[in-house]
Amino acid sequence: MAKPLKVDEIWLERIAGLLDEMEFGSLHIVVHEGQIVQMERTERKRFENGNANATPNANTRYSGETGSRRTDSRSVGRG
């Protein structure tokens, strides 16, 4: 029988921290024997004109898949 998942306040803070300010991306949570053992964050930055050297600003519109690139992948183990 599967063990119930244990998610305490510390894990909720870690999850929220990895999701903070993410605009496009995903958070992959790995559970082993009812405990979170790893989290991986993948974030994509999108640039309107496809120029990876362009710096987005408040007036920049994000569009489609043009210029998508992986910018952040962090793993968090047991704490």
N, C-alpha and C. Protein backbone atom coordinates (compact mmCIF):
# COMPACT_ATOMS: atom_id res chain seq x y z
N MET A 1 0.83 -1.19 0.00
CA MET A 1 0.00 0.00 0.00
C MET A 1 0.88 1.25 0.00
N ALA A 2 0.46 2.25 -0.74
CA ALA A 2 1.23 3.50 -0.86
C ALA A 2 1.21 4.28 0.45
N LYS A 3 2.36 4.87 0.76
CA LYS A 3 2.44 5.71 1.95
C LYS A 3 1.84 7.07 1.64
N PRO A 4 1.16 7.69 2.61
CA PRO A 4 0.61 9.04 2.36
C PRO A 4 1.74 10.05 2.21
N LEU A 5 1.55 11.00 1.30
CA LEU A 5 2.55 12.02 1.05
C LEU A 5 2.63 12.98 2.23
N LYS A 6 3.85 13.24 2.69
CA LYS A 6 4.08 14.16 3.80
C LYS A 6 4.60 15.47 3.24
N VAL A 7 3.79 16.53 3.32
CA VAL A 7 4.19 17.85 2.85
C VAL A 7 3.99 18.82 4.01
N ASP A 8 5.09 19.26 4.61
CA ASP A 8 5.00 20.20 5.73
C ASP A 8 5.21 21.63 5.23
N GLU A 9 5.20 22.57 6.15
CA GLU A 9 5.34 23.99 5.81
C GLU A 9 6.66 24.29 5.09
N ILE A 10 7.71 23.60 5.46
CA ILE A 10 9.02 23.81 4.83
C ILE A 10 8.95 23.47 3.34
N TRP A 11 8.33 22.33 3.01
CA TRP A 11 8.21 21.93 1.60
C TRP A 11 7.31 22.88 0.84
N LEU A 12 6.23 23.35 1.47
CA LEU A 12 5.36 24.32 0.81
C LEU A 12 6.11 25.61 0.49
N GLU A 13 6.99 26.04 1.39
CA GLU A 13 7.81 27.23 1.15
C GLU A 13 8.81 26.99 0.02
N ARG A 14 9.41 25.80 -0.03
CA ARG A 14 10.36 25.47 -1.10
C ARG A 14 9.64 25.46 -2.46
N ILE A 15 8.46 24.85 -2.50
CA ILE A 15 7.68 24.80 -3.74
C ILE A 15 7.31 26.22 -4.19
N ALA A 16 6.82 27.03 -3.27
CA ALA A 16 6.44 28.40 -3.59
C ALA A 16 7.66 29.19 -4.06
N GLY A 17 8.81 28.97 -3.45
CA GLY A 17 10.03 29.66 -3.84
C GLY A 17 10.45 29.33 -5.26
N LEU A 18 10.30 28.07 -5.66
CA LEU A 18 10.66 27.68 -7.02
C LEU A 18 9.66 28.18 -8.05
N LEU A 19 8.41 28.37 -7.64
CA LEU A 19 7.38 28.87 -8.55
C LEU A 19 7.37 30.40 -8.62
N ASP A 20 7.97 31.05 -7.62
CA ASP A 20 7.97 32.50 -7.54
C ASP A 20 8.55 33.13 -8.81
N GLU A 21 7.82 34.06 -9.37
CA GLU A 21 8.22 34.83 -10.55
C GLU A 21 8.37 33.99 -11.82
N MET A 22 7.94 32.71 -11.81
CA MET A 22 7.98 31.90 -13.03
C MET A 22 6.83 32.34 -13.93
N GLU A 23 7.15 32.70 -15.17
CA GLU A 23 6.13 33.15 -16.10
C GLU A 23 5.75 32.04 -17.07
N PHE A 24 6.75 31.31 -17.58
CA PHE A 24 6.54 30.18 -18.45
C PHE A 24 7.45 29.07 -17.95
N GLY A 25 6.93 27.90 -17.68
CA GLY A 25 7.80 26.81 -17.25
C GLY A 25 7.05 25.71 -16.54
N SER A 26 7.82 24.86 -15.87
CA SER A 26 7.22 23.75 -15.15
C SER A 26 8.05 23.42 -13.91
N LEU A 27 7.39 22.79 -12.96
CA LEU A 27 8.05 22.32 -11.74
C LEU A 27 7.75 20.83 -11.62
N HIS A 28 8.78 20.02 -11.64
CA HIS A 28 8.65 18.57 -11.58
C HIS A 28 9.02 18.14 -10.16
N ILE A 29 8.09 17.46 -9.47
CA ILE A 29 8.31 17.02 -8.09
C ILE A 29 8.39 15.51 -8.07
N VAL A 30 9.48 14.97 -7.54
CA VAL A 30 9.69 13.53 -7.46
C VAL A 30 9.41 13.07 -6.04
N VAL A 31 8.55 12.07 -5.92
CA VAL A 31 8.17 11.51 -4.61
C VAL A 31 8.65 10.07 -4.53
N HIS A 32 9.27 9.71 -3.41
CA HIS A 32 9.74 8.34 -3.19
C HIS A 32 9.30 7.90 -1.80
N GLU A 33 8.54 6.82 -1.73
CA GLU A 33 8.04 6.27 -0.47
C GLU A 33 7.33 7.33 0.38
N GLY A 34 6.49 8.13 -0.27
CA GLY A 34 5.67 9.10 0.45
C GLY A 34 6.38 10.39 0.84
N GLN A 35 7.61 10.61 0.37
CA GLN A 35 8.34 11.83 0.70
C GLN A 35 8.86 12.48 -0.59
N ILE A 36 8.82 13.81 -0.61
CA ILE A 36 9.42 14.54 -1.73
C ILE A 36 10.93 14.40 -1.61
N VAL A 37 11.57 13.95 -2.69
CA VAL A 37 13.02 13.76 -2.65
C VAL A 37 13.75 14.66 -3.63
N GLN A 38 13.01 15.25 -4.60
CA GLN A 38 13.69 16.08 -5.60
C GLN A 38 12.66 16.97 -6.28
N MET A 39 13.11 18.19 -6.65
CA MET A 39 12.29 19.10 -7.45
C MET A 39 13.17 19.68 -8.54
N GLU A 40 12.63 19.77 -9.74
CA GLU A 40 13.36 20.34 -10.87
C GLU A 40 12.52 21.45 -11.49
N ARG A 41 13.13 22.61 -11.65
CA ARG A 41 12.44 23.75 -12.24
C ARG A 41 12.99 23.99 -13.64
N THR A 42 12.10 24.10 -14.60
CA THR A 42 12.48 24.44 -15.97
C THR A 42 11.72 25.70 -16.33
N GLU A 43 12.43 26.74 -16.69
CA GLU A 43 11.79 28.01 -17.02
C GLU A 43 12.19 28.42 -18.42
N ARG A 44 11.25 28.97 -19.14
CA ARG A 44 11.50 29.43 -20.50
C ARG A 44 11.31 30.94 -20.56
N LYS A 45 12.21 31.60 -21.26
CA LYS A 45 12.08 33.03 -21.53
C LYS A 45 11.76 33.17 -23.00
N ARG A 46 10.76 33.97 -23.31
CA ARG A 46 10.35 34.15 -24.70
C ARG A 46 10.60 35.59 -25.12
N PHE A 47 11.17 35.75 -26.32
CA PHE A 47 11.51 37.05 -26.84
C PHE A 47 10.75 37.28 -28.13
N GLU A 48 10.17 38.46 -28.28
CA GLU A 48 9.30 38.77 -29.41
C GLU A 48 9.98 38.59 -30.76
N ASN A 49 11.19 39.10 -30.90
CA ASN A 49 11.85 39.08 -32.21
C ASN A 49 12.78 37.89 -32.40
N GLY A 50 12.83 36.97 -31.46
CA GLY A 50 13.67 35.79 -31.59
C GLY A 50 15.14 36.04 -31.33
N ASN A 51 15.50 37.24 -30.89
CA ASN A 51 16.88 37.59 -30.62
C ASN A 51 17.22 37.24 -29.18
N ALA A 52 18.03 36.22 -28.98
CA ALA A 52 18.39 35.77 -27.63
C ALA A 52 19.20 36.82 -26.87
N ASN A 53 19.82 37.76 -27.59
CA ASN A 53 20.62 38.80 -26.94
C ASN A 53 19.78 39.99 -26.49
N ALA A 54 18.52 40.05 -26.93
CA ALA A 54 17.65 41.17 -26.55
C ALA A 54 17.27 41.05 -25.09
N THR A 55 17.23 42.17 -24.41
CA THR A 55 16.83 42.19 -23.02
C THR A 55 15.37 42.60 -22.93
N PRO A 56 14.49 41.73 -22.35
CA PRO A 56 13.08 42.11 -22.25
C PRO A 56 12.90 43.25 -21.27
N ASN A 57 11.94 44.12 -21.52
CA ASN A 57 11.62 45.19 -20.59
C ASN A 57 10.11 45.26 -20.44
N ALA A 58 9.61 46.25 -19.75
CA ALA A 58 8.19 46.36 -19.47
C ALA A 58 7.36 46.47 -20.75
N ASN A 59 7.94 46.97 -21.84
CA ASN A 59 7.19 47.12 -23.08
C ASN A 59 7.32 45.92 -24.02
N THR A 60 8.14 44.93 -23.65
CA THR A 60 8.35 43.75 -24.49
C THR A 60 7.17 42.80 -24.36
N ARG A 61 6.65 42.35 -25.50
CA ARG A 61 5.59 41.36 -25.50
C ARG A 61 6.23 40.00 -25.73
N TYR A 62 5.77 38.99 -24.99
CA TYR A 62 6.24 37.63 -25.17
C TYR A 62 5.34 36.95 -26.19
N SER A 63 5.92 36.12 -27.06
CA SER A 63 5.10 35.47 -28.06
C SER A 63 5.61 34.08 -28.38
N GLY A 64 4.71 33.19 -28.73
CA GLY A 64 4.98 31.87 -29.27
C GLY A 64 6.22 31.16 -28.78
N GLU A 65 6.71 30.23 -29.57
CA GLU A 65 7.89 29.45 -29.22
C GLU A 65 9.18 30.05 -29.75
N THR A 66 9.10 31.11 -30.56
CA THR A 66 10.30 31.71 -31.15
C THR A 66 11.22 32.22 -30.05
N GLY A 67 12.44 31.76 -30.08
CA GLY A 67 13.43 32.23 -29.11
C GLY A 67 13.34 31.53 -27.76
N SER A 68 12.53 30.49 -27.63
CA SER A 68 12.43 29.79 -26.36
C SER A 68 13.76 29.13 -26.03
N ARG A 69 14.12 29.18 -24.78
CA ARG A 69 15.34 28.50 -24.35
C ARG A 69 15.22 28.15 -22.88
N ARG A 70 15.88 27.09 -22.47
CA ARG A 70 15.88 26.67 -21.08
C ARG A 70 16.84 27.57 -20.32
N THR A 71 16.34 28.19 -19.24
CA THR A 71 17.19 29.16 -18.55
C THR A 71 17.51 28.78 -17.11
N ASP A 72 16.74 27.84 -16.52
CA ASP A 72 16.99 27.55 -15.12
C ASP A 72 16.56 26.14 -14.81
N SER A 73 17.42 25.37 -14.20
CA SER A 73 17.06 24.04 -13.74
C SER A 73 17.76 23.82 -12.42
N ARG A 74 16.97 23.75 -11.37
CA ARG A 74 17.53 23.57 -10.04
C ARG A 74 16.95 22.31 -9.43
N SER A 75 17.73 21.60 -8.68
CA SER A 75 17.26 20.42 -7.97
C SER A 75 17.39 20.69 -6.48
N VAL A 76 16.39 20.24 -5.74
CA VAL A 76 16.40 20.40 -4.29
C VAL A 76 16.21 19.01 -3.71
N GLY A 77 17.16 18.55 -2.93
CA GLY A 77 17.05 17.24 -2.30
C GLY A 77 16.38 17.32 -0.95
N ARG A 78 16.44 16.24 -0.22
CA ARG A 78 15.83 16.22 1.12
C ARG A 78 16.48 17.25 2.03
N GLY A 79 15.66 17.84 2.87
CA GLY A 79 16.21 18.88 3.74
C GLY A 79 16.09 18.59 5.18
